[in-house]
Amino acid sequence: MQQRFVIAGGGIGGLATALGLARAGIASVVLEKAAALSEIGAGIQLGPNAFHAFDLLGVGEAARAMAVYIDRLRLMDAISAEEIAHIPLDEAFRARFGNPYAVVHRGDLFKVFLRACEANPLVELRTHAEVTGYVQDGRSAGARLAGGEIVRGAALIGADGLWSAIRQQLVGDGPPRVSGHTTYRSVIPTEQMPEDLRWNAATLWAGPKCHLVHYPLSDWKAFNLVVTCHNDAPEPVAGKPVAHEEVMRGFRHIHDRAQSIIRIGVDWKLWVLCDRDPVSEWVDGRVALLGDAAHPMMQYMAQGACMAMEDAVALAHMVARHPDDIEAALRAYRDHRLLRTARVQLQSRAIGEHIYHPSGPHAALRNALARAKTAEDWYETLGWLYGGDRLDDSGAPTG
């Protein structure tokens, strides 16, 4: 296969796709509408399945070097301020899943992929290249840019996110589903985090119609704060600066210790969370969707970026296995990924309702069930996810 692939979207999913294809000896051009390649956001959690993808994409060493390795996943009751349960992330966890659990700054992770792409002669990066749709003729596929140019290749991969123009032409399912959940994000210097809350953990405080998350970032230089409430927000919002008083509005009913986490936040920004229902129409001839363009999900399983990286690995493997039939390769990629990503989409929604946000007897039942679990019970529960979509070098599923 000589002709390059065209990739719409220069986020983590798009860059991971370019690296995966390059490792299979396939050139690509990445089209990004922004003036510069960068990533918006703060912290991101990385399960063991993410590290497996890093290794298969050739960035495992760099990714491990910038990660913060936490000791546990900790679930707190935001009403009583008591620990409900925790999942140890020690040697037993690593032995079970073959890789660690870590947290990183999204910008640091993005730079790992960007530097690897910049250093690879098979990857071309283009900015100021807004993709508005696609064309294809049975022998090639092309991305149509806002200025009218068509960038052609052997195939087109739509990694252009929640509001994907490629998806709108391929699936045509309109705007995303607005969840009614609003998330506020802040990053603070570690010294501003109360000493008694500087836990080496990804900590989640679950409360009625709300939850809070915090964990260390960037070699413990900062803490990531993410607080979410179910306030029936009616329309999508992304990255809007908001005052402290607005953030507090959805959390006045929780314990003062949990509220204190919000009080120390600065420069809060707001997102109204959106996702889409799972669909099977990821592929149209030589055009395929990837990452949030294919399966946008709620943040509650911390798997959005992980699923995009797994997609990139699977796509590269399937293209390598079907070098003379690109359309077959894209269908095989979709078939391989469809059920796993649909499960993460649907379970992410369910966790928000039934684990993070319940009250009364529902919350009491959650607490009782969580407290009854041993570490091995938790590992068994998470085995399907963290044991994940493993692909060996031949492209065959291994677990």
Protein backbone atom coordinates (compact mmCIF):
# COMPACT_ATOMS: atom_id res chain seq x y z
CA MET A 1 0.00 0.00 0.00
CA GLN A 2 1.69 3.19 -1.19
CA GLN A 3 -0.94 5.90 -0.94
CA ARG A 4 -1.25 7.85 2.30
CA PHE A 5 -4.22 8.03 4.65
CA VAL A 6 -5.95 11.33 5.40
CA ILE A 7 -6.84 11.96 9.05
CA ALA A 8 -9.34 14.66 10.01
CA GLY A 9 -8.55 15.98 13.49
CA GLY A 10 -5.27 16.69 15.24
CA GLY A 11 -6.20 15.66 18.78
CA ILE A 12 -4.91 12.64 20.68
CA GLY A 13 -6.99 10.24 18.58
CA GLY A 14 -5.82 11.69 15.27
CA LEU A 15 -2.15 11.74 16.24
CA ALA A 16 -2.36 8.22 17.70
CA THR A 17 -3.85 7.05 14.39
CA ALA A 18 -1.00 8.62 12.44
CA LEU A 19 1.56 6.88 14.67
CA GLY A 20 -0.21 3.53 14.43
CA LEU A 21 -0.30 3.72 10.65
CA ALA A 22 3.35 4.83 10.51
CA ARG A 23 4.38 1.76 12.50
CA ALA A 24 2.68 -0.28 9.79
CA GLY A 25 4.69 1.62 7.15
CA ILE A 26 1.77 3.78 6.00
CA ALA A 27 2.06 7.53 5.48
CA SER A 28 -0.63 9.94 6.59
CA VAL A 29 -1.54 13.61 6.61
CA VAL A 30 -3.27 15.00 9.71
CA LEU A 31 -5.63 17.93 9.10
CA GLU A 32 -6.32 20.25 12.03
CA LYS A 33 -8.59 23.29 11.77
CA ALA A 34 -6.85 25.25 14.55
CA ALA A 35 -3.87 27.50 13.94
CA ALA A 36 -1.66 25.31 16.13
CA LEU A 37 -1.70 21.74 17.35
CA SER A 38 -2.60 21.75 21.03
CA GLU A 39 -4.93 20.07 23.52
CA ILE A 40 -7.55 21.75 25.72
CA GLY A 41 -8.16 20.38 29.20
CA ALA A 42 -6.34 19.43 32.36
CA GLY A 43 -6.05 16.02 33.97
CA ILE A 44 -6.68 12.65 32.41
CA GLN A 45 -6.69 9.19 33.98
CA LEU A 46 -4.93 6.31 32.27
CA GLY A 47 -5.96 2.73 32.97
CA PRO A 48 -3.69 -0.22 32.16
CA ASN A 49 -5.31 -0.54 28.74
CA ALA A 50 -3.96 2.92 27.86
CA PHE A 51 -0.40 1.83 28.60
CA HIS A 52 -0.81 -1.24 26.43
CA ALA A 53 -1.88 1.07 23.60
CA PHE A 54 1.08 3.39 24.26
CA ASP A 55 3.47 0.47 23.78
CA LEU A 56 1.84 -0.65 20.54
CA LEU A 57 1.96 2.94 19.26
CA GLY A 58 5.67 3.27 20.08
CA VAL A 59 5.37 5.92 22.82
CA GLY A 60 5.33 3.73 25.92
CA GLU A 61 8.62 4.98 27.36
CA ALA A 62 7.76 8.66 26.88
CA ALA A 63 4.26 8.22 28.29
CA ARG A 64 5.52 6.43 31.38
CA ALA A 65 8.11 9.13 32.02
CA MET A 66 5.55 11.93 32.42
CA ALA A 67 2.85 10.03 34.34
CA VAL A 68 2.05 10.26 38.06
CA TYR A 69 1.53 6.79 39.51
CA ILE A 70 -1.17 6.85 42.16
CA ASP A 71 -1.64 4.32 44.95
CA ARG A 72 -5.39 3.82 44.81
CA LEU A 73 -8.76 4.73 43.36
CA ARG A 74 -10.71 6.12 46.31
CA LEU A 75 -14.51 6.47 46.63
CA MET A 76 -15.72 8.90 49.31
CA ASP A 77 -19.23 9.72 50.54
CA ALA A 78 -19.74 13.44 49.90
CA ILE A 79 -22.48 13.62 52.57
CA SER A 80 -20.67 11.92 55.47
CA ALA A 81 -17.08 12.60 54.31
CA GLU A 82 -16.26 8.94 55.04
CA GLU A 83 -14.44 6.59 52.73
CA ILE A 84 -16.78 4.11 51.07
CA ALA A 85 -14.16 1.91 49.43
CA HIS A 86 -10.86 1.98 47.60
CA ILE A 87 -9.15 -0.07 44.89
CA PRO A 88 -5.42 -0.63 45.52
CA LEU A 89 -3.22 -0.01 42.49
CA ASP A 90 -0.20 -1.86 43.87
CA GLU A 91 1.89 -4.71 42.52
CA ALA A 92 -1.07 -7.08 42.64
CA PHE A 93 -3.03 -4.72 40.38
CA ARG A 94 -0.10 -4.39 37.97
CA ALA A 95 0.43 -8.13 37.92
CA ARG A 96 -3.25 -8.72 37.16
CA PHE A 97 -3.46 -6.25 34.27
CA GLY A 98 0.14 -6.10 33.05
CA ASN A 99 0.39 -2.33 33.39
CA PRO A 100 -0.03 0.46 35.96
CA TYR A 101 -2.76 3.03 36.55
CA ALA A 102 -1.66 6.66 36.31
CA VAL A 103 -2.81 10.26 35.93
CA VAL A 104 -1.32 12.88 33.61
CA HIS A 105 -1.90 16.39 32.39
CA ARG A 106 -3.71 16.14 29.06
CA GLY A 107 -1.32 18.68 27.55
CA ASP A 108 1.69 16.58 28.60
CA LEU A 109 0.17 13.47 27.02
CA PHE A 110 -0.65 15.37 23.84
CA LYS A 111 2.97 16.52 23.57
CA VAL A 112 4.15 12.91 23.70
CA PHE A 113 2.10 12.14 20.61
CA LEU A 114 2.92 15.41 18.88
CA ARG A 115 6.68 15.00 19.28
CA ALA A 116 6.52 11.43 18.02
CA CYS A 117 4.54 12.54 14.96
CA GLU A 118 6.88 15.46 14.27
CA ALA A 119 9.84 13.07 14.37
CA ASN A 120 8.26 10.54 12.01
CA PRO A 121 8.84 11.10 8.28
CA LEU A 122 5.65 9.22 7.44
CA VAL A 123 3.47 11.78 9.25
CA GLU A 124 2.57 15.19 7.78
CA LEU A 125 0.83 17.71 10.03
CA ARG A 126 -1.29 20.52 8.59
CA THR A 127 -2.98 23.30 10.56
CA HIS A 128 -5.54 25.88 9.33
CA ALA A 129 -7.23 22.90 7.63
CA GLU A 130 -10.88 22.73 8.65
CA VAL A 131 -12.58 19.60 7.29
CA THR A 132 -16.22 20.13 6.32
CA GLY A 133 -17.03 16.82 4.61
CA TYR A 134 -15.69 14.11 2.34
CA VAL A 135 -15.75 12.69 -1.17
CA GLN A 136 -14.77 9.28 -2.51
CA ASP A 137 -14.75 7.46 -5.83
CA GLY A 138 -14.04 3.81 -5.02
CA ARG A 139 -10.29 4.21 -5.46
CA SER A 140 -9.61 7.02 -3.01
CA ALA A 141 -11.24 9.23 -0.40
CA GLY A 142 -10.80 12.95 0.15
CA ALA A 143 -11.38 15.45 2.93
CA ARG A 144 -13.14 18.59 1.76
CA LEU A 145 -11.68 21.68 3.43
CA ALA A 146 -13.51 24.89 4.25
CA GLY A 147 -11.69 26.74 1.47
CA GLY A 148 -12.76 24.20 -1.15
CA GLU A 149 -9.53 22.17 -1.39
CA ILE A 150 -9.87 18.39 -1.37
CA VAL A 151 -7.05 16.44 0.30
CA ARG A 152 -7.07 12.91 -1.11
CA GLY A 153 -5.65 9.62 0.06
CA ALA A 154 -6.27 5.89 0.11
CA ALA A 155 -8.74 6.39 2.97
CA LEU A 156 -10.09 9.07 5.26
CA ILE A 157 -10.29 8.66 9.03
CA GLY A 158 -12.64 11.02 10.85
CA ALA A 159 -11.02 11.69 14.23
CA ASP A 160 -12.63 15.11 14.47
CA GLY A 161 -14.37 14.75 17.81
CA LEU A 162 -17.84 15.16 19.27
CA TRP A 163 -18.95 17.64 16.59
CA SER A 164 -17.40 15.67 13.73
CA ALA A 165 -18.21 16.93 10.24
CA ILE A 166 -17.27 13.51 8.89
CA ARG A 167 -19.81 11.85 11.19
CA GLN A 168 -22.55 14.25 10.15
CA GLN A 169 -22.11 13.25 6.51
CA LEU A 170 -21.62 9.56 7.27
CA VAL A 171 -24.22 9.03 10.05
CA GLY A 172 -26.32 12.20 9.93
CA ASP A 173 -27.54 11.96 13.51
CA GLY A 174 -27.53 15.68 14.26
CA PRO A 175 -26.22 17.33 17.42
CA PRO A 176 -25.00 15.26 20.38
CA ARG A 177 -27.19 14.27 23.33
CA VAL A 178 -27.05 16.86 26.12
CA SER A 179 -26.76 15.02 29.42
CA GLY A 180 -27.88 17.82 31.73
CA HIS A 181 -24.67 17.28 33.73
CA THR A 182 -22.33 20.26 34.13
CA THR A 183 -18.63 19.86 34.91
CA TYR A 184 -16.37 22.57 36.32
CA ARG A 185 -12.59 22.22 36.08
CA SER A 186 -9.70 23.88 37.87
CA VAL A 187 -5.98 23.18 38.36
CA ILE A 188 -4.27 24.49 41.49
CA PRO A 189 -0.67 24.41 42.78
CA THR A 190 -0.14 21.51 45.16
CA GLU A 191 0.69 23.82 48.06
CA GLN A 192 -2.85 25.24 47.86
CA MET A 193 -4.43 21.80 48.30
CA PRO A 194 -5.22 21.15 52.00
CA GLU A 195 -2.51 18.89 53.40
CA ASP A 196 -5.05 16.38 54.71
CA LEU A 197 -6.41 15.95 51.16
CA ARG A 198 -3.10 15.62 49.31
CA TRP A 199 -3.73 11.95 48.70
CA ASN A 200 -1.77 9.98 46.12
CA ALA A 201 -5.04 8.76 44.71
CA ALA A 202 -7.68 9.47 42.13
CA THR A 203 -10.40 10.39 44.60
CA LEU A 204 -14.10 10.64 43.84
CA TRP A 205 -16.62 12.10 46.31
CA ALA A 206 -20.10 10.82 45.41
CA GLY A 207 -23.14 12.86 46.46
CA PRO A 208 -26.79 13.39 45.51
CA LYS A 209 -26.81 14.67 41.93
CA CYS A 210 -23.14 15.61 42.16
CA HIS A 211 -19.60 14.34 42.53
CA LEU A 212 -16.07 15.70 42.91
CA VAL A 213 -12.76 14.31 41.64
CA HIS A 214 -9.19 15.28 42.50
CA TYR A 215 -5.70 13.89 41.92
CA PRO A 216 -2.08 15.11 41.57
CA LEU A 217 -0.56 16.13 38.23
CA SER A 218 2.76 17.01 36.60
CA ASP A 219 5.18 15.42 39.07
CA TRP A 220 3.00 16.61 41.98
CA LYS A 221 3.33 20.26 41.00
CA ALA A 222 -0.46 20.67 40.78
CA PHE A 223 -3.81 19.09 41.63
CA ASN A 224 -6.59 18.56 39.14
CA LEU A 225 -10.06 19.47 40.45
CA VAL A 226 -13.18 18.36 38.57
CA VAL A 227 -16.64 18.81 40.08
CA THR A 228 -19.86 17.78 38.38
CA CYS A 229 -23.53 18.35 39.16
CA HIS A 230 -26.73 17.18 37.51
CA ASN A 231 -28.41 20.56 37.02
CA ASP A 232 -30.41 19.82 33.84
CA ALA A 233 -28.27 22.18 31.73
CA PRO A 234 -30.18 22.47 28.45
CA GLU A 235 -27.47 23.06 25.83
CA PRO A 236 -23.80 22.30 25.12
CA VAL A 237 -21.17 24.61 26.61
CA ALA A 238 -17.40 24.11 26.42
CA GLY A 239 -14.71 25.88 28.40
CA LYS A 240 -16.76 28.88 29.58
CA PRO A 241 -15.14 30.78 32.50
CA VAL A 242 -17.43 30.89 35.53
CA ALA A 243 -17.40 32.54 38.95
CA HIS A 244 -16.80 30.60 42.12
CA GLU A 245 -20.34 31.33 43.32
CA GLU A 246 -21.82 29.62 40.28
CA VAL A 247 -19.72 26.52 40.86
CA MET A 248 -20.79 26.28 44.50
CA ARG A 249 -24.48 26.42 43.60
CA GLY A 250 -24.75 22.70 42.88
CA PHE A 251 -22.76 21.57 45.94
CA ARG A 252 -24.20 23.40 48.96
CA HIS A 253 -25.86 20.21 50.22
CA ILE A 254 -22.66 18.18 50.67
CA HIS A 255 -20.25 17.92 53.61
CA ASP A 256 -18.11 20.96 54.41
CA ARG A 257 -14.93 18.96 53.88
CA ALA A 258 -16.00 18.19 50.33
CA GLN A 259 -17.08 21.80 49.78
CA SER A 260 -13.62 22.94 50.89
CA ILE A 261 -12.19 21.37 47.73
CA ILE A 262 -14.34 23.69 45.64
CA ARG A 263 -13.42 26.75 47.70
CA ILE A 264 -9.72 26.41 46.83
CA GLY A 265 -10.35 26.21 43.10
CA VAL A 266 -9.43 29.12 40.85
CA ASP A 267 -10.18 30.08 37.25
CA TRP A 268 -13.04 27.60 37.01
CA LYS A 269 -14.25 26.67 33.52
CA LEU A 270 -17.56 25.02 32.67
CA TRP A 271 -18.48 22.19 30.31
CA VAL A 272 -21.96 20.75 29.77
CA LEU A 273 -21.38 17.04 29.16
CA CYS A 274 -22.62 15.45 25.96
CA ASP A 275 -22.46 12.03 24.36
CA ARG A 276 -24.26 10.06 21.65
CA ASP A 277 -26.04 6.75 21.40
CA PRO A 278 -23.92 3.89 20.05
CA VAL A 279 -24.28 3.37 16.31
CA SER A 280 -22.85 0.79 13.92
CA GLU A 281 -22.42 3.15 10.94
CA TRP A 282 -18.73 3.91 11.43
CA VAL A 283 -17.68 3.10 7.88
CA ASP A 284 -18.68 4.32 4.44
CA GLY A 285 -16.47 2.71 1.81
CA ARG A 286 -13.02 4.21 2.35
CA VAL A 287 -14.14 6.54 5.17
CA ALA A 288 -14.18 5.53 8.85
CA LEU A 289 -14.78 7.22 12.20
CA LEU A 290 -12.50 7.00 15.23
CA GLY A 291 -12.51 8.15 18.87
CA ASP A 292 -15.18 10.66 19.89
CA ALA A 293 -16.35 10.96 16.29
CA ALA A 294 -17.33 7.27 16.43
CA HIS A 295 -18.34 6.76 20.07
CA PRO A 296 -18.43 9.91 22.23
CA MET A 297 -18.99 9.02 25.86
CA MET A 298 -19.49 10.53 29.28
CA GLN A 299 -16.32 11.00 31.31
CA TYR A 300 -17.40 8.73 34.16
CA MET A 301 -15.26 5.71 33.28
CA ALA A 302 -12.23 7.88 32.42
CA GLN A 303 -11.93 6.07 29.09
CA GLY A 304 -12.50 8.59 26.30
CA ALA A 305 -8.83 9.04 25.33
CA CYS A 306 -8.08 5.39 26.13
CA MET A 307 -10.76 4.22 23.67
CA ALA A 308 -9.40 6.53 20.96
CA MET A 309 -5.90 5.11 21.41
CA GLU A 310 -7.25 1.56 21.32
CA ASP A 311 -9.09 2.48 18.11
CA ALA A 312 -5.82 3.70 16.59
CA VAL A 313 -4.06 0.45 17.45
CA ALA A 314 -6.89 -1.69 16.06
CA LEU A 315 -7.15 0.36 12.88
CA ALA A 316 -3.44 0.06 12.14
CA HIS A 317 -3.51 -3.70 12.76
CA MET A 318 -6.50 -4.26 10.51
CA VAL A 319 -5.01 -2.17 7.70
CA ALA A 320 -1.80 -4.19 7.98
CA ARG A 321 -3.78 -7.43 7.86
CA HIS A 322 -5.73 -6.34 4.74
CA PRO A 323 -3.08 -4.44 2.75
CA ASP A 324 -4.85 -4.94 -0.58
CA ASP A 325 -8.42 -4.23 0.53
CA ILE A 326 -8.82 -0.99 2.45
CA GLU A 327 -12.60 -1.21 2.65
CA ALA A 328 -12.35 -4.67 4.20
CA ALA A 329 -9.75 -3.36 6.65
CA LEU A 330 -12.02 -0.52 7.77
CA ARG A 331 -14.98 -2.88 8.22
CA ALA A 332 -12.81 -5.28 10.25
CA TYR A 333 -11.66 -2.38 12.44
CA ARG A 334 -15.26 -1.32 13.09
CA ASP A 335 -16.43 -4.86 13.80
CA HIS A 336 -13.57 -5.39 16.23
CA ARG A 337 -14.22 -2.20 18.17
CA LEU A 338 -18.00 -1.79 18.04
CA LEU A 339 -19.24 -3.77 21.05
CA ARG A 340 -16.41 -2.80 23.39
CA THR A 341 -16.86 0.92 22.79
CA ALA A 342 -20.67 0.66 22.97
CA ARG A 343 -20.30 -1.01 26.36
CA VAL A 344 -18.11 1.82 27.63
CA GLN A 345 -20.55 4.43 26.28
CA LEU A 346 -23.57 2.87 27.97
CA GLN A 347 -21.87 1.96 31.23
CA SER A 348 -20.43 5.47 31.51
CA ARG A 349 -23.98 6.84 31.46
CA ALA A 350 -25.17 4.26 33.98
CA ILE A 351 -22.34 4.95 36.43
CA GLY A 352 -23.24 8.62 36.50
CA GLU A 353 -26.79 7.82 37.54
CA HIS A 354 -26.39 4.77 39.77
CA ILE A 355 -22.92 5.09 41.35
CA TYR A 356 -21.89 8.75 41.42
CA HIS A 357 -25.17 10.65 41.90
CA PRO A 358 -27.78 8.66 43.89
CA SER A 359 -29.24 9.62 47.28
CA GLY A 360 -31.12 7.99 50.15
CA PRO A 361 -31.52 4.19 50.08
CA HIS A 362 -29.99 4.04 46.61
CA ALA A 363 -26.78 5.63 47.91
CA ALA A 364 -26.84 3.44 51.03
CA LEU A 365 -27.09 0.34 48.82
CA ARG A 366 -24.19 1.58 46.70
CA ASN A 367 -22.08 2.04 49.82
CA ALA A 368 -22.92 -1.39 51.22
CA LEU A 369 -22.14 -3.18 47.96
CA ALA A 370 -18.88 -1.27 47.46
CA ARG A 371 -17.70 -1.92 51.01
CA ALA A 372 -18.33 -5.65 50.63
CA LYS A 373 -15.92 -5.95 47.71
CA THR A 374 -12.37 -7.19 48.21
CA ALA A 375 -9.49 -5.97 46.03
CA GLU A 376 -9.78 -9.18 44.02
CA ASP A 377 -13.51 -8.55 43.58
CA TRP A 378 -12.74 -5.11 42.14
CA TYR A 379 -10.11 -6.54 39.81
CA GLU A 380 -12.61 -9.11 38.59
CA THR A 381 -15.21 -6.37 37.99
CA LEU A 382 -12.73 -4.30 35.99
CA GLY A 383 -11.13 -7.19 34.14
CA TRP A 384 -13.09 -6.71 30.92
CA LEU A 385 -12.01 -3.06 30.72
CA TYR A 386 -8.42 -2.98 31.92
CA GLY A 387 -7.56 -6.39 30.49
CA GLY A 388 -9.01 -4.82 27.40
CA ASP A 389 -8.66 -4.90 23.69
CA ARG A 390 -5.22 -6.44 23.52
CA LEU A 391 -3.76 -6.91 20.07
CA ASP A 392 -0.45 -8.61 19.49
CA ASP A 393 1.87 -7.68 16.64
CA SER A 394 -0.05 -9.89 14.21
CA GLY A 395 -3.30 -8.09 14.91
CA ALA A 396 -4.95 -11.03 16.62
CA PRO A 397 -6.93 -10.47 19.81
CA THR A 398 -5.01 -11.74 22.86
CA GLY A 399 -7.35 -10.94 25.74
